[in-house]
Amino acid sequence: MIEVRYFAWLRERIGTNREAVQTQAATVADLVAELVARSEGHALAFEDRKSLRVAVDQELADFAAPLSGVREVAFFPPMTGG
């Protein structure tokens, strides 16, 4: 079981800030493919993956990151600073 967390507009589109997901996904990209199939909100949230960032167990990662042993995956838009 993986805890999936959503921030900013992803949370708004999906309708929750977190969900527990039972998955066989090998990578973050595989997990996203499973999530997109869950609902229209999920599909809309992940429509433009180039505009998303991901953290795996609170470490920045990319969509090719493996999920073996992972407890949490978080998705969020790019952060701006200034």
PDB file of N, CA and C in Angstrom:
ATOM      1  N   MET A   1       0.852  -1.175   0.000  1.00  0.00           N
ATOM      2  CA  MET A   1       0.000   0.000   0.000  1.00  0.00           C
ATOM      3  C   MET A   1       0.897   1.237   0.000  1.00  0.00           C
ATOM      4  N   ILE A   2       0.581   2.179  -0.869  1.00  0.00           N
ATOM      5  CA  ILE A   2       1.328   3.433  -0.957  1.00  0.00           C
ATOM      6  C   ILE A   2       0.392   4.588  -0.635  1.00  0.00           C
ATOM      7  N   GLU A   3       0.848   5.513   0.168  1.00  0.00           N
ATOM      8  CA  GLU A   3       0.115   6.744   0.450  1.00  0.00           C
ATOM      9  C   GLU A   3       0.442   7.719  -0.673  1.00  0.00           C
ATOM     10  N   VAL A   4      -0.576   8.166  -1.396  1.00  0.00           N
ATOM     11  CA  VAL A   4      -0.383   9.123  -2.477  1.00  0.00           C
ATOM     12  C   VAL A   4      -0.945  10.458  -2.012  1.00  0.00           C
ATOM     13  N   ARG A   5      -0.122  11.500  -2.106  1.00  0.00           N
ATOM     14  CA  ARG A   5      -0.520  12.835  -1.651  1.00  0.00           C
ATOM     15  C   ARG A   5      -0.576  13.789  -2.831  1.00  0.00           C
ATOM     16  N   TYR A   6      -1.533  14.697  -2.784  1.00  0.00           N
ATOM     17  CA  TYR A   6      -1.739  15.674  -3.851  1.00  0.00           C
ATOM     18  C   TYR A   6      -1.719  17.074  -3.267  1.00  0.00           C
ATOM     19  N   PHE A   7      -1.078  17.985  -3.963  1.00  0.00           N
ATOM     20  CA  PHE A   7      -0.986  19.364  -3.501  1.00  0.00           C
ATOM     21  C   PHE A   7      -1.486  20.339  -4.563  1.00  0.00           C
ATOM     22  N   ALA A   8      -1.900  21.513  -4.092  1.00  0.00           N
ATOM     23  CA  ALA A   8      -2.323  22.633  -4.949  1.00  0.00           C
ATOM     24  C   ALA A   8      -3.473  22.208  -5.864  1.00  0.00           C
ATOM     25  N   TRP A   9      -3.377  22.539  -7.146  1.00  0.00           N
ATOM     26  CA  TRP A   9      -4.498  22.271  -8.056  1.00  0.00           C
ATOM     27  C   TRP A   9      -4.724  20.785  -8.305  1.00  0.00           C
ATOM     28  N   LEU A  10      -3.749  19.940  -8.050  1.00  0.00           N
ATOM     29  CA  LEU A  10      -3.998  18.501  -8.177  1.00  0.00           C
ATOM     30  C   LEU A  10      -5.037  18.067  -7.148  1.00  0.00           C
ATOM     31  N   ARG A  11      -4.883  18.559  -5.926  1.00  0.00           N
ATOM     32  CA  ARG A  11      -5.832  18.249  -4.858  1.00  0.00           C
ATOM     33  C   ARG A  11      -7.234  18.708  -5.245  1.00  0.00           C
ATOM     34  N   GLU A  12      -7.328  19.880  -5.830  1.00  0.00           N
ATOM     35  CA  GLU A  12      -8.634  20.411  -6.233  1.00  0.00           C
ATOM     36  C   GLU A  12      -9.270  19.567  -7.329  1.00  0.00           C
ATOM     37  N   ARG A  13      -8.493  19.160  -8.308  1.00  0.00           N
ATOM     38  CA  ARG A  13      -9.032  18.366  -9.423  1.00  0.00           C
ATOM     39  C   ARG A  13      -9.421  16.958  -9.004  1.00  0.00           C
ATOM     40  N   ILE A  14      -8.640  16.375  -8.113  1.00  0.00           N
ATOM     41  CA  ILE A  14      -8.909  15.001  -7.685  1.00  0.00           C
ATOM     42  C   ILE A  14      -9.962  14.966  -6.575  1.00  0.00           C
ATOM     43  N   GLY A  15     -10.006  16.002  -5.760  1.00  0.00           N
ATOM     44  CA  GLY A  15     -11.016  16.086  -4.718  1.00  0.00           C
ATOM     45  C   GLY A  15     -10.580  15.564  -3.365  1.00  0.00           C
ATOM     46  N   THR A  16      -9.295  15.288  -3.211  1.00  0.00           N
ATOM     47  CA  THR A  16      -8.756  14.845  -1.931  1.00  0.00           C
ATOM     48  C   THR A  16      -7.281  15.203  -1.878  1.00  0.00           C
ATOM     49  N   ASN A  17      -6.746  15.284  -0.674  1.00  0.00           N
ATOM     50  CA  ASN A  17      -5.324  15.599  -0.563  1.00  0.00           C
ATOM     51  C   ASN A  17      -4.453  14.351  -0.401  1.00  0.00           C
ATOM     52  N   ARG A  18      -5.096  13.203  -0.168  1.00  0.00           N
ATOM     53  CA  ARG A  18      -4.335  11.953  -0.046  1.00  0.00           C
ATOM     54  C   ARG A  18      -5.250  10.753  -0.236  1.00  0.00           C
ATOM     55  N   GLU A  19      -4.656   9.659  -0.638  1.00  0.00           N
ATOM     56  CA  GLU A  19      -5.386   8.396  -0.720  1.00  0.00           C
ATOM     57  C   GLU A  19      -4.399   7.252  -0.596  1.00  0.00           C
ATOM     58  N   ALA A  20      -4.849   6.173  -0.018  1.00  0.00           N
ATOM     59  CA  ALA A  20      -4.047   4.957   0.084  1.00  0.00           C
ATOM     60  C   ALA A  20      -4.330   4.132  -1.160  1.00  0.00           C
ATOM     61  N   VAL A  21      -3.269   3.731  -1.842  1.00  0.00           N
ATOM     62  CA  VAL A  21      -3.420   3.036  -3.119  1.00  0.00           C
ATOM     63  C   VAL A  21      -2.734   1.679  -3.054  1.00  0.00           C
ATOM     64  N   GLN A  22      -3.493   0.654  -3.329  1.00  0.00           N
ATOM     65  CA  GLN A  22      -2.929  -0.687  -3.488  1.00  0.00           C
ATOM     66  C   GLN A  22      -2.478  -0.787  -4.930  1.00  0.00           C
ATOM     67  N   THR A  23      -1.204  -1.010  -5.160  1.00  0.00           N
ATOM     68  CA  THR A  23      -0.683  -0.963  -6.522  1.00  0.00           C
ATOM     69  C   THR A  23       0.365  -2.032  -6.764  1.00  0.00           C
ATOM     70  N   GLN A  24       0.474  -2.411  -8.014  1.00  0.00           N
ATOM     71  CA  GLN A  24       1.543  -3.291  -8.465  1.00  0.00           C
ATOM     72  C   GLN A  24       2.514  -2.521  -9.352  1.00  0.00           C
ATOM     73  N   ALA A  25       2.358  -1.193  -9.400  1.00  0.00           N
ATOM     74  CA  ALA A  25       3.181  -0.348 -10.257  1.00  0.00           C
ATOM     75  C   ALA A  25       4.661  -0.486  -9.894  1.00  0.00           C
ATOM     76  N   ALA A  26       5.499  -0.559 -10.926  1.00  0.00           N
ATOM     77  CA  ALA A  26       6.941  -0.670 -10.716  1.00  0.00           C
ATOM     78  C   ALA A  26       7.608   0.695 -10.620  1.00  0.00           C
ATOM     79  N   THR A  27       7.020   1.695 -11.274  1.00  0.00           N
ATOM     80  CA  THR A  27       7.602   3.036 -11.298  1.00  0.00           C
ATOM     81  C   THR A  27       6.518   4.079 -11.023  1.00  0.00           C
ATOM     82  N   VAL A  28       6.939   5.309 -10.799  1.00  0.00           N
ATOM     83  CA  VAL A  28       5.980   6.401 -10.621  1.00  0.00           C
ATOM     84  C   VAL A  28       5.111   6.535 -11.871  1.00  0.00           C
ATOM     85  N   ALA A  29       5.700   6.412 -13.054  1.00  0.00           N
ATOM     86  CA  ALA A  29       4.930   6.512 -14.298  1.00  0.00           C
ATOM     87  C   ALA A  29       3.845   5.441 -14.359  1.00  0.00           C
ATOM     88  N   ASP A  30       4.158   4.231 -13.922  1.00  0.00           N
ATOM     89  CA  ASP A  30       3.159   3.155 -13.886  1.00  0.00           C
ATOM     90  C   ASP A  30       2.039   3.491 -12.903  1.00  0.00           C
ATOM     91  N   LEU A  31       2.405   4.072 -11.775  1.00  0.00           N
ATOM     92  CA  LEU A  31       1.411   4.480 -10.784  1.00  0.00           C
ATOM     93  C   LEU A  31       0.486   5.544 -11.367  1.00  0.00           C
ATOM     94  N   VAL A  32       1.058   6.510 -12.062  1.00  0.00           N
ATOM     95  CA  VAL A  32       0.245   7.560 -12.685  1.00  0.00           C
ATOM     96  C   VAL A  32      -0.743   6.948 -13.671  1.00  0.00           C
ATOM     97  N   ALA A  33      -0.303   5.972 -14.451  1.00  0.00           N
ATOM     98  CA  ALA A  33      -1.206   5.313 -15.407  1.00  0.00           C
ATOM     99  C   ALA A  33      -2.379   4.670 -14.676  1.00  0.00           C
ATOM    100  N   GLU A  34      -2.134   4.060 -13.524  1.00  0.00           N
ATOM    101  CA  GLU A  34      -3.211   3.475 -12.730  1.00  0.00           C
ATOM    102  C   GLU A  34      -4.136   4.554 -12.170  1.00  0.00           C
ATOM    103  N   LEU A  35      -3.554   5.644 -11.689  1.00  0.00           N
ATOM    104  CA  LEU A  35      -4.355   6.722 -11.106  1.00  0.00           C
ATOM    105  C   LEU A  35      -5.250   7.386 -12.149  1.00  0.00           C
ATOM    106  N   VAL A  36      -4.735   7.585 -13.344  1.00  0.00           N
ATOM    107  CA  VAL A  36      -5.504   8.218 -14.422  1.00  0.00           C
ATOM    108  C   VAL A  36      -6.773   7.430 -14.707  1.00  0.00           C
ATOM    109  N   ALA A  37      -6.720   6.119 -14.557  1.00  0.00           N
ATOM    110  CA  ALA A  37      -7.877   5.267 -14.831  1.00  0.00           C
ATOM    111  C   ALA A  37      -8.921   5.320 -13.709  1.00  0.00           C
ATOM    112  N   ARG A  38      -8.603   5.924 -12.578  1.00  0.00           N
ATOM    113  CA  ARG A  38      -9.517   5.947 -11.433  1.00  0.00           C
ATOM    114  C   ARG A  38     -10.725   6.851 -11.626  1.00  0.00           C
ATOM    115  N   SER A  39     -10.500   8.046 -12.203  1.00  0.00           N
ATOM    116  CA  SER A  39     -11.604   9.001 -12.337  1.00  0.00           C
ATOM    117  C   SER A  39     -11.254  10.092 -13.338  1.00  0.00           C
ATOM    118  N   GLU A  40     -12.260  10.855 -13.712  1.00  0.00           N
ATOM    119  CA  GLU A  40     -12.024  11.990 -14.600  1.00  0.00           C
ATOM    120  C   GLU A  40     -11.141  13.023 -13.912  1.00  0.00           C
ATOM    121  N   GLY A  41     -11.329  13.215 -12.618  1.00  0.00           N
ATOM    122  CA  GLY A  41     -10.504  14.158 -11.869  1.00  0.00           C
ATOM    123  C   GLY A  41      -9.037  13.774 -11.881  1.00  0.00           C
ATOM    124  N   HIS A  42      -8.763  12.486 -11.713  1.00  0.00           N
ATOM    125  CA  HIS A  42      -7.384  12.005 -11.784  1.00  0.00           C
ATOM    126  C   HIS A  42      -6.823  12.233 -13.188  1.00  0.00           C
ATOM    127  N   ALA A  43      -7.615  11.885 -14.196  1.00  0.00           N
ATOM    128  CA  ALA A  43      -7.155  12.049 -15.580  1.00  0.00           C
ATOM    129  C   ALA A  43      -6.839  13.520 -15.862  1.00  0.00           C
ATOM    130  N   LEU A  44      -7.683  14.411 -15.386  1.00  0.00           N
ATOM    131  CA  LEU A  44      -7.465  15.840 -15.594  1.00  0.00           C
ATOM    132  C   LEU A  44      -6.218  16.320 -14.847  1.00  0.00           C
ATOM    133  N   ALA A  45      -6.038  15.857 -13.642  1.00  0.00           N
ATOM    134  CA  ALA A  45      -4.884  16.275 -12.835  1.00  0.00           C
ATOM    135  C   ALA A  45      -3.564  15.867 -13.474  1.00  0.00           C
ATOM    136  N   PHE A  46      -3.533  14.705 -14.112  1.00  0.00           N
ATOM    137  CA  PHE A  46      -2.287  14.194 -14.694  1.00  0.00           C
ATOM    138  C   PHE A  46      -2.202  14.406 -16.200  1.00  0.00           C
ATOM    139  N   GLU A  47      -3.074  15.247 -16.733  1.00  0.00           N
ATOM    140  CA  GLU A  47      -3.134  15.500 -18.170  1.00  0.00           C
ATOM    141  C   GLU A  47      -1.805  16.009 -18.733  1.00  0.00           C
ATOM    142  N   ASP A  48      -1.172  16.924 -18.032  1.00  0.00           N
ATOM    143  CA  ASP A  48       0.092  17.505 -18.491  1.00  0.00           C
ATOM    144  C   ASP A  48       1.185  17.164 -17.484  1.00  0.00           C
ATOM    145  N   ARG A  49       1.766  16.006 -17.632  1.00  0.00           N
ATOM    146  CA  ARG A  49       2.753  15.537 -16.657  1.00  0.00           C
ATOM    147  C   ARG A  49       4.017  16.385 -16.651  1.00  0.00           C
ATOM    148  N   LYS A  50       4.275  17.102 -17.742  1.00  0.00           N
ATOM    149  CA  LYS A  50       5.459  17.964 -17.786  1.00  0.00           C
ATOM    150  C   LYS A  50       5.349  19.109 -16.785  1.00  0.00           C
ATOM    151  N   SER A  51       4.130  19.408 -16.360  1.00  0.00           N
ATOM    152  CA  SER A  51       3.937  20.503 -15.405  1.00  0.00           C
ATOM    153  C   SER A  51       3.859  19.996 -13.976  1.00  0.00           C
ATOM    154  N   LEU A  52       4.268  18.768 -13.733  1.00  0.00           N
ATOM    155  CA  LEU A  52       4.203  18.177 -12.396  1.00  0.00           C
ATOM    156  C   LEU A  52       5.587  17.824 -11.865  1.00  0.00           C
ATOM    157  N   ARG A  53       5.679  17.831 -10.563  1.00  0.00           N
ATOM    158  CA  ARG A  53       6.865  17.346  -9.864  1.00  0.00           C
ATOM    159  C   ARG A  53       6.407  16.203  -8.969  1.00  0.00           C
ATOM    160  N   VAL A  54       7.356  15.354  -8.610  1.00  0.00           N
ATOM    161  CA  VAL A  54       7.026  14.209  -7.762  1.00  0.00           C
ATOM    162  C   VAL A  54       8.103  14.023  -6.702  1.00  0.00           C
ATOM    163  N   ALA A  55       7.657  13.603  -5.540  1.00  0.00           N
ATOM    164  CA  ALA A  55       8.581  13.235  -4.469  1.00  0.00           C
ATOM    165  C   ALA A  55       8.239  11.809  -4.036  1.00  0.00           C
ATOM    166  N   VAL A  56       9.264  11.021  -3.845  1.00  0.00           N
ATOM    167  CA  VAL A  56       9.115   9.636  -3.404  1.00  0.00           C
ATOM    168  C   VAL A  56       9.735   9.546  -2.016  1.00  0.00           C
ATOM    169  N   ASP A  57       8.919   9.197  -1.033  1.00  0.00           N
ATOM    170  CA  ASP A  57       9.355   9.193   0.364  1.00  0.00           C
ATOM    171  C   ASP A  57      10.078  10.502   0.712  1.00  0.00           C
ATOM    172  N   GLN A  58       9.479  11.617   0.299  1.00  0.00           N
ATOM    173  CA  GLN A  58       9.902  12.978   0.592  1.00  0.00           C
ATOM    174  C   GLN A  58      11.230  13.370  -0.035  1.00  0.00           C
ATOM    175  N   GLU A  59      11.623  12.671  -1.104  1.00  0.00           N
ATOM    176  CA  GLU A  59      12.816  13.022  -1.878  1.00  0.00           C
ATOM    177  C   GLU A  59      12.375  13.309  -3.309  1.00  0.00           C
ATOM    178  N   LEU A  60      12.807  14.446  -3.869  1.00  0.00           N
ATOM    179  CA  LEU A  60      12.453  14.737  -5.255  1.00  0.00           C
ATOM    180  C   LEU A  60      12.905  13.598  -6.156  1.00  0.00           C
ATOM    181  N   ALA A  61      12.063  13.255  -7.100  1.00  0.00           N
ATOM    182  CA  ALA A  61      12.342  12.127  -7.987  1.00  0.00           C
ATOM    183  C   ALA A  61      11.777  12.448  -9.362  1.00  0.00           C
ATOM    184  N   ASP A  62      11.916  11.504 -10.278  1.00  0.00           N
ATOM    185  CA  ASP A  62      11.287  11.660 -11.587  1.00  0.00           C
ATOM    186  C   ASP A  62      10.312  10.515 -11.804  1.00  0.00           C
ATOM    187  N   PHE A  63       9.629  10.553 -12.922  1.00  0.00           N
ATOM    188  CA  PHE A  63       8.580   9.572 -13.169  1.00  0.00           C
ATOM    189  C   PHE A  63       9.120   8.166 -13.453  1.00  0.00           C
ATOM    190  N   ALA A  64      10.416   8.033 -13.645  1.00  0.00           N
ATOM    191  CA  ALA A  64      11.023   6.714 -13.843  1.00  0.00           C
ATOM    192  C   ALA A  64      11.453   6.088 -12.519  1.00  0.00           C
ATOM    193  N   ALA A  65      11.276   6.802 -11.418  1.00  0.00           N
ATOM    194  CA  ALA A  65      11.714   6.307 -10.113  1.00  0.00           C
ATOM    195  C   ALA A  65      10.998   5.008  -9.748  1.00  0.00           C
ATOM    196  N   PRO A  66      11.746   4.027  -9.244  1.00  0.00           N
ATOM    197  CA  PRO A  66      11.127   2.766  -8.833  1.00  0.00           C
ATOM    198  C   PRO A  66      10.317   2.927  -7.555  1.00  0.00           C
ATOM    199  N   LEU A  67       9.308   2.089  -7.391  1.00  0.00           N
ATOM    200  CA  LEU A  67       8.432   2.159  -6.228  1.00  0.00           C
ATOM    201  C   LEU A  67       8.656   1.034  -5.226  1.00  0.00           C
ATOM    202  N   SER A  68       9.589   0.173  -5.479  1.00  0.00           N
ATOM    203  CA  SER A  68       9.847  -0.937  -4.567  1.00  0.00           C
ATOM    204  C   SER A  68      10.205  -0.404  -3.181  1.00  0.00           C
ATOM    205  N   GLY A  69       9.433  -0.784  -2.172  1.00  0.00           N
ATOM    206  CA  GLY A  69       9.681  -0.378  -0.806  1.00  0.00           C
ATOM    207  C   GLY A  69       9.231   1.032  -0.457  1.00  0.00           C
ATOM    208  N   VAL A  70       8.644   1.742  -1.393  1.00  0.00           N
ATOM    209  CA  VAL A  70       8.216   3.127  -1.169  1.00  0.00           C
ATOM    210  C   VAL A  70       6.932   3.157  -0.352  1.00  0.00           C
ATOM    211  N   ARG A  71       6.857   4.112   0.570  1.00  0.00           N
ATOM    212  CA  ARG A  71       5.659   4.259   1.390  1.00  0.00           C
ATOM    213  C   ARG A  71       4.802   5.455   0.990  1.00  0.00           C
ATOM    214  N   GLU A  72       5.426   6.489   0.380  1.00  0.00           N
ATOM    215  CA  GLU A  72       4.671   7.694   0.035  1.00  0.00           C
ATOM    216  C   GLU A  72       5.151   8.280  -1.287  1.00  0.00           C
ATOM    217  N   VAL A  73       4.176   8.696  -2.103  1.00  0.00           N
ATOM    218  CA  VAL A  73       4.460   9.426  -3.340  1.00  0.00           C
ATOM    219  C   VAL A  73       3.623  10.688  -3.297  1.00  0.00           C
ATOM    220  N   ALA A  74       4.257  11.826  -3.552  1.00  0.00           N
ATOM    221  CA  ALA A  74       3.552  13.105  -3.541  1.00  0.00           C
ATOM    222  C   ALA A  74       3.686  13.780  -4.898  1.00  0.00           C
ATOM    223  N   PHE A  75       2.588  14.359  -5.374  1.00  0.00           N
ATOM    224  CA  PHE A  75       2.562  15.077  -6.647  1.00  0.00           C
ATOM    225  C   PHE A  75       2.228  16.536  -6.381  1.00  0.00           C
ATOM    226  N   PHE A  76       2.930  17.435  -7.064  1.00  0.00           N
ATOM    227  CA  PHE A  76       2.701  18.866  -6.864  1.00  0.00           C
ATOM    228  C   PHE A  76       3.188  19.634  -8.088  1.00  0.00           C
ATOM    229  N   PRO A  77       2.676  20.855  -8.262  1.00  0.00           N
ATOM    230  CA  PRO A  77       3.146  21.683  -9.370  1.00  0.00           C
ATOM    231  C   PRO A  77       4.537  22.228  -9.047  1.00  0.00           C
ATOM    232  N   PRO A  78       5.248  22.700 -10.062  1.00  0.00           N
ATOM    233  CA  PRO A  78       6.566  23.302  -9.800  1.00  0.00           C
ATOM    234  C   PRO A  78       6.438  24.455  -8.813  1.00  0.00           C
ATOM    235  N   MET A  79       7.427  24.597  -7.973  1.00  0.00           N
ATOM    236  CA  MET A  79       7.413  25.685  -6.993  1.00  0.00           C
ATOM    237  C   MET A  79       8.205  26.864  -7.553  1.00  0.00           C
ATOM    238  N   THR A  80       7.727  28.030  -7.242  1.00  0.00           N
ATOM    239  CA  THR A  80       8.476  29.225  -7.645  1.00  0.00           C
ATOM    240  C   THR A  80       8.972  29.909  -6.403  1.00  0.00           C
ATOM    241  N   GLY A  81      10.049  30.563  -6.534  1.00  0.00           N
ATOM    242  CA  GLY A  81      10.614  31.268  -5.389  1.00  0.00           C
ATOM    243  C   GLY A  81      10.858  32.721  -5.744  1.00  0.00           C
ATOM    244  N   GLY A  82      11.243  33.451  -4.769  1.00  0.00           N
ATOM    245  CA  GLY A  82      11.551  34.828  -5.089  1.00  0.00           C
ATOM    246  C   GLY A  82      11.590  35.713  -3.891  1.00  0.00           C
TER     247      GLY A  82
END
